[in-house]
Amino acid sequence: MSVLLSTPGAGDLDEVVRALAEWRREGASMQLHPGDVGFYWQFGPERTAAALRVWSREGRILGVGLLDGSELVRLAVDPEARMDEDLARQMADDVSRRERGVLAAGKAHVEALWGSRFSELLQEGGWELDEPWIPMVRGLSEAVEDCGLRVEVVGPERVDDRVAVHRAAFPGSKFSVERWQAMAAGTPYANARCLVGYNDQGEAVAATTVWSAGPGKPGLLEPLGVHGDHQGHGYGKAMAVGAAAALRDMGASSATVCAEGSNAGAVATYRSAGYQAQAEVRDLSRVE
């Protein structure tokens, strides 16, 4: 049977999120996580569905892509199908041809952070390896130490602090209370927590969202930021430790994050928080 490409409707989102969660396995390569879709949900379910692409065969989802603008697609595939020749060829063709409705013509990036036939086919078609990413993993079999901050789970009374830290950590961000509420109403957020860290003066200094893929599966930190007025005090490390503790409480087998290889500060921060760097992985890019 042929591999079919489709854009899901809002009513199909739960099925897509379930597939992404099922594919998360300890020791497997980093790829699109339910939390990535969950963070995008801040734009609402209809827009989230419109940004997704699904590859399936006989009704079974084999691959999922999340469009981050017109030039970037972030991908995941069923681990059992990573060397499926038909799937690899169909996905490579679909992301390379504008008329398929995945990426625009010209400059484009594909985030496929695993070794596969798909990656080989793109390179054979002229795509080039891009800048490296460093997957970082902290195992959660043992208790997590105190992080040194007062870490609170965000509910309605702490949303303003969550939003303020995010906007101060990521200049230009349009994250808002309304977007947080939309994100929190999404299916993936049922297995997530937003966390805010407070210093000894009671100031909100750092924040993150942790996403579970289910008990016994790797969890994700996405995103983590330190308020611009409070950087340089170790709060990033503290928040990464606090995130690991929260994921352990949620039953995750590990805490994972992927840092840009060029961002030495981020890599050092996570390493200091007990996250172990894995072998670097690379996006693929096309310039035309």
Protein backbone atom coordinates (compact mmCIF):
# COMPACT_ATOMS: atom_id res chain seq x y z
CA MET A 1 0.00 0.00 0.00
CA SER A 2 1.08 3.57 -0.71
CA VAL A 3 2.27 6.02 1.91
CA LEU A 4 -0.16 8.94 2.06
CA LEU A 5 0.55 12.52 3.11
CA SER A 6 -2.24 14.47 4.80
CA THR A 7 -2.95 17.52 6.95
CA PRO A 8 -4.98 16.52 10.00
CA GLY A 9 -8.04 18.34 11.24
CA ALA A 10 -8.41 19.61 14.78
CA GLY A 11 -10.37 16.47 15.61
CA ASP A 12 -7.38 14.32 14.65
CA LEU A 13 -4.89 15.95 17.00
CA ASP A 14 -5.31 13.47 19.85
CA GLU A 15 -4.39 10.58 17.54
CA VAL A 16 -1.28 12.41 16.33
CA VAL A 17 -0.16 13.23 19.88
CA ARG A 18 -0.69 9.61 20.95
CA ALA A 19 1.50 8.40 18.09
CA LEU A 20 4.31 10.79 19.02
CA ALA A 21 4.12 9.64 22.66
CA GLU A 22 4.20 5.96 21.69
CA TRP A 23 7.36 6.53 19.65
CA ARG A 24 9.33 7.95 22.57
CA ARG A 25 11.66 5.27 23.89
CA GLU A 26 14.59 5.38 26.26
CA GLY A 27 17.86 5.39 24.34
CA ALA A 28 16.23 6.33 21.04
CA SER A 29 17.29 9.36 19.03
CA MET A 30 15.74 12.75 19.71
CA GLN A 31 12.82 13.67 17.47
CA LEU A 32 9.58 15.63 17.49
CA HIS A 33 7.99 15.17 20.93
CA PRO A 34 4.36 15.59 22.06
CA GLY A 35 5.61 18.60 23.99
CA ASP A 36 6.68 20.34 20.79
CA VAL A 37 3.12 20.08 19.52
CA GLY A 38 1.88 21.06 22.97
CA PHE A 39 3.87 24.30 23.00
CA TYR A 40 2.63 25.14 19.49
CA TRP A 41 -0.94 24.67 20.80
CA GLN A 42 -0.72 28.23 22.17
CA PHE A 43 -1.98 29.24 18.73
CA GLY A 44 -5.12 27.12 19.11
CA PRO A 45 -6.09 23.63 17.89
CA GLU A 46 -7.08 24.66 14.38
CA ARG A 47 -3.79 26.41 13.66
CA THR A 48 -1.86 23.56 15.30
CA ALA A 49 -3.58 21.01 13.08
CA ALA A 50 -2.88 23.14 10.00
CA ALA A 51 0.84 23.15 10.88
CA LEU A 52 1.05 19.36 11.05
CA ARG A 53 1.72 16.87 8.27
CA VAL A 54 1.07 13.17 8.71
CA TRP A 55 2.42 10.24 6.68
CA SER A 56 0.39 7.05 7.01
CA ARG A 57 -0.15 3.66 5.44
CA GLU A 58 -3.42 1.75 5.76
CA GLY A 59 -4.54 4.11 8.49
CA ARG A 60 -1.40 3.71 10.61
CA ILE A 61 0.59 6.88 11.30
CA LEU A 62 4.26 6.38 10.37
CA GLY A 63 5.60 9.93 10.33
CA VAL A 64 4.66 13.37 11.66
CA GLY A 65 5.98 16.80 10.74
CA LEU A 66 5.41 20.13 12.48
CA LEU A 67 5.88 23.21 10.31
CA ASP A 68 7.64 26.04 12.13
CA GLY A 69 7.05 28.69 9.49
CA SER A 70 7.41 28.07 5.77
CA GLU A 71 11.10 27.12 5.87
CA LEU A 72 11.37 24.55 8.68
CA VAL A 73 9.71 21.21 9.34
CA ARG A 74 10.46 19.22 12.50
CA LEU A 75 9.96 15.49 12.04
CA ALA A 76 9.40 12.24 13.87
CA VAL A 77 8.90 8.72 12.55
CA ASP A 78 7.80 5.44 14.06
CA PRO A 79 11.07 3.84 15.25
CA GLU A 80 10.07 0.61 13.55
CA ALA A 81 9.82 2.41 10.21
CA ARG A 82 13.07 4.40 10.17
CA MET A 83 14.58 2.26 7.43
CA ASP A 84 11.31 1.75 5.54
CA GLU A 85 12.35 2.51 1.96
CA ASP A 86 8.91 3.49 0.69
CA LEU A 87 8.28 5.79 3.64
CA ALA A 88 11.72 7.38 3.34
CA ARG A 89 11.30 8.04 -0.38
CA GLN A 90 7.80 9.47 0.03
CA MET A 91 8.82 11.77 2.88
CA ALA A 92 11.95 12.93 1.05
CA ASP A 93 9.91 13.68 -2.06
CA ASP A 94 7.20 15.47 -0.10
CA VAL A 95 9.55 17.79 1.79
CA SER A 96 11.56 18.56 -1.37
CA ARG A 97 8.68 19.55 -3.66
CA ARG A 98 6.79 22.76 -2.98
CA GLU A 99 3.56 21.52 -4.54
CA ARG A 100 3.27 18.84 -1.86
CA GLY A 101 2.44 21.52 0.70
CA VAL A 102 5.18 20.87 3.24
CA LEU A 103 7.97 23.40 2.62
CA ALA A 104 8.20 26.44 0.38
CA ALA A 105 10.58 26.47 -2.56
CA GLY A 106 14.12 27.72 -2.04
CA LYS A 107 15.75 27.99 1.36
CA ALA A 108 14.47 25.32 3.73
CA HIS A 109 15.45 23.26 6.75
CA VAL A 110 14.48 19.77 7.86
CA GLU A 111 14.94 18.74 11.47
CA ALA A 112 15.36 14.97 11.37
CA LEU A 113 17.63 14.22 14.28
CA TRP A 114 18.23 10.56 13.64
CA GLY A 115 20.24 8.49 11.20
CA SER A 116 17.92 7.04 8.57
CA ARG A 117 17.34 6.27 4.93
CA PHE A 118 15.31 9.49 4.75
CA SER A 119 18.36 11.57 5.65
CA GLU A 120 20.46 9.69 3.11
CA LEU A 121 17.93 10.37 0.34
CA LEU A 122 17.79 14.09 1.09
CA GLN A 123 21.58 14.33 0.91
CA GLU A 124 21.56 12.42 -2.37
CA GLY A 125 19.07 15.05 -3.58
CA GLY A 126 21.37 17.96 -2.78
CA TRP A 127 20.43 18.78 0.81
CA GLU A 128 23.39 19.50 3.08
CA LEU A 129 24.06 18.83 6.74
CA ASP A 130 23.49 21.96 8.83
CA GLU A 131 24.80 23.16 12.19
CA PRO A 132 25.01 20.53 14.95
CA TRP A 133 22.61 20.06 17.84
CA ILE A 134 23.57 18.40 21.11
CA PRO A 135 20.95 16.13 22.70
CA MET A 136 21.24 16.27 26.51
CA VAL A 137 19.82 13.57 28.79
CA ARG A 138 19.53 13.18 32.54
CA GLY A 139 18.42 9.78 33.84
CA LEU A 140 15.77 9.83 36.56
CA SER A 141 16.19 6.45 38.26
CA GLU A 142 17.53 8.19 41.38
CA ALA A 143 16.13 11.03 43.45
CA VAL A 144 16.93 14.55 42.19
CA GLU A 145 18.79 16.94 44.48
CA ASP A 146 17.31 20.21 45.70
CA CYS A 147 17.76 22.84 43.01
CA GLY A 148 18.17 25.84 45.33
CA LEU A 149 15.15 27.74 44.03
CA ARG A 150 11.56 27.73 45.20
CA VAL A 151 9.90 26.08 42.23
CA GLU A 152 6.15 26.44 41.87
CA VAL A 153 3.78 24.74 39.45
CA VAL A 154 1.92 27.33 37.41
CA GLY A 155 -1.82 27.60 37.88
CA PRO A 156 -4.08 30.56 37.09
CA GLU A 157 -2.57 32.59 39.95
CA ARG A 158 1.00 32.31 38.55
CA VAL A 159 0.41 32.73 34.84
CA ASP A 160 1.50 36.37 34.89
CA ASP A 161 4.87 35.36 36.36
CA ARG A 162 5.27 32.57 33.79
CA VAL A 163 4.57 34.93 30.92
CA ALA A 164 6.75 37.73 32.29
CA VAL A 165 9.78 35.46 32.68
CA HIS A 166 9.34 33.98 29.22
CA ARG A 167 9.10 37.38 27.52
CA ALA A 168 12.10 38.70 29.44
CA ALA A 169 14.13 35.58 28.62
CA PHE A 170 13.26 35.55 24.91
CA PRO A 171 13.22 39.11 23.56
CA GLY A 172 10.64 39.57 20.84
CA SER A 173 8.42 36.78 22.11
CA LYS A 174 4.67 37.41 21.92
CA PHE A 175 3.82 34.77 24.52
CA SER A 176 0.85 36.01 26.56
CA VAL A 177 -1.65 34.97 29.19
CA GLU A 178 -4.10 34.17 26.40
CA ARG A 179 -1.55 31.98 24.63
CA TRP A 180 -0.69 30.19 27.87
CA GLN A 181 -4.38 29.50 28.43
CA ALA A 182 -4.72 28.07 24.91
CA MET A 183 -1.63 25.90 25.45
CA ALA A 184 -2.90 24.70 28.83
CA ALA A 185 -6.21 23.71 27.24
CA GLY A 186 -4.47 21.44 24.72
CA THR A 187 -4.33 17.67 24.92
CA PRO A 188 -0.53 17.44 25.46
CA TYR A 189 -0.71 19.74 28.49
CA ALA A 190 -2.60 17.06 30.42
CA ASN A 191 0.87 15.50 30.77
CA ALA A 192 2.80 18.74 31.32
CA ARG A 193 3.60 21.29 33.98
CA CYS A 194 4.73 24.88 33.74
CA LEU A 195 7.24 25.74 36.43
CA VAL A 196 8.43 29.10 37.76
CA GLY A 197 11.52 29.49 39.95
CA TYR A 198 11.66 32.19 42.64
CA ASN A 199 14.80 33.50 44.32
CA ASP A 200 15.21 34.33 48.01
CA GLN A 201 13.66 37.74 47.43
CA GLY A 202 10.51 36.15 45.99
CA GLU A 203 11.25 37.33 42.45
CA ALA A 204 10.29 35.14 39.49
CA VAL A 205 13.68 34.51 37.87
CA ALA A 206 13.35 31.44 35.64
CA ALA A 207 10.67 29.29 34.05
CA THR A 208 10.20 26.19 31.96
CA THR A 209 7.56 23.76 30.78
CA VAL A 210 8.10 20.03 31.20
CA TRP A 211 6.29 17.55 28.99
CA SER A 212 5.76 13.88 29.73
CA ALA A 213 5.21 11.28 27.02
CA GLY A 214 3.85 8.89 29.64
CA PRO A 215 5.26 6.86 32.55
CA GLY A 216 8.56 5.18 31.77
CA LYS A 217 9.23 7.36 28.73
CA PRO A 218 11.63 10.27 28.18
CA GLY A 219 10.24 13.66 29.13
CA LEU A 220 11.14 16.99 27.55
CA LEU A 221 12.06 20.51 28.72
CA GLU A 222 10.69 23.00 26.20
CA PRO A 223 11.39 25.88 26.60
CA LEU A 224 13.59 26.94 29.55
CA GLY A 225 14.52 30.56 30.09
CA VAL A 226 16.01 32.91 32.69
CA HIS A 227 14.67 36.43 33.13
CA GLY A 228 17.00 38.89 31.45
CA ASP A 229 17.41 40.87 34.68
CA HIS A 230 18.52 37.82 36.63
CA GLN A 231 21.02 36.06 34.43
CA GLY A 232 24.47 35.03 35.63
CA HIS A 233 23.36 33.66 39.01
CA GLY A 234 23.03 29.97 38.18
CA TYR A 235 19.27 30.08 37.85
CA GLY A 236 19.35 28.25 34.51
CA LYS A 237 21.13 25.31 36.12
CA ALA A 238 18.73 25.41 39.07
CA MET A 239 15.70 25.41 36.80
CA ALA A 240 17.05 22.49 34.77
CA VAL A 241 17.46 20.51 38.01
CA GLY A 242 13.97 21.50 39.13
CA ALA A 243 12.59 20.39 35.77
CA ALA A 244 14.23 17.00 36.18
CA ALA A 245 12.65 16.63 39.62
CA ALA A 246 9.22 17.49 38.23
CA LEU A 247 9.55 14.98 35.40
CA ARG A 248 10.63 12.28 37.84
CA ASP A 249 7.52 13.00 39.90
CA MET A 250 5.49 12.57 36.71
CA GLY A 251 7.01 9.13 36.08
CA ALA A 252 9.38 10.05 33.24
CA SER A 253 12.39 7.80 32.73
CA SER A 254 14.67 10.70 31.81
CA ALA A 255 14.71 14.44 31.22
CA THR A 256 15.79 15.45 27.73
CA VAL A 257 16.57 18.66 25.92
CA CYS A 258 18.36 19.52 22.69
CA ALA A 259 20.76 22.48 22.64
CA GLU A 260 22.33 24.16 19.65
CA GLY A 261 25.94 23.12 19.36
CA SER A 262 26.91 26.76 18.85
CA ASN A 263 25.29 27.73 22.16
CA ALA A 264 28.14 26.72 24.44
CA GLY A 265 26.50 28.44 27.40
CA ALA A 266 23.35 26.35 27.16
CA VAL A 267 25.31 23.12 26.76
CA ALA A 268 27.43 24.00 29.80
CA THR A 269 24.35 24.89 31.85
CA TYR A 270 22.63 21.59 31.21
CA ARG A 271 25.83 19.66 31.76
CA SER A 272 26.27 21.35 35.15
CA ALA A 273 22.70 20.30 35.99
CA GLY A 274 23.53 16.65 35.44
CA TYR A 275 22.50 16.28 31.81
CA GLN A 276 24.84 14.15 29.72
CA ALA A 277 25.68 15.22 26.18
CA GLN A 278 24.92 12.65 23.52
CA ALA A 279 26.43 12.37 20.04
CA GLU A 280 25.73 15.50 18.03
CA VAL A 281 23.03 15.45 15.37
CA ARG A 282 22.42 17.75 12.43
CA ASP A 283 19.52 19.33 10.59
CA LEU A 284 19.48 19.26 6.81
CA SER A 285 19.28 22.46 4.79
CA ARG A 286 18.65 23.48 1.21
CA VAL A 287 19.60 26.77 -0.39
CA GLU A 288 18.26 27.47 -3.86
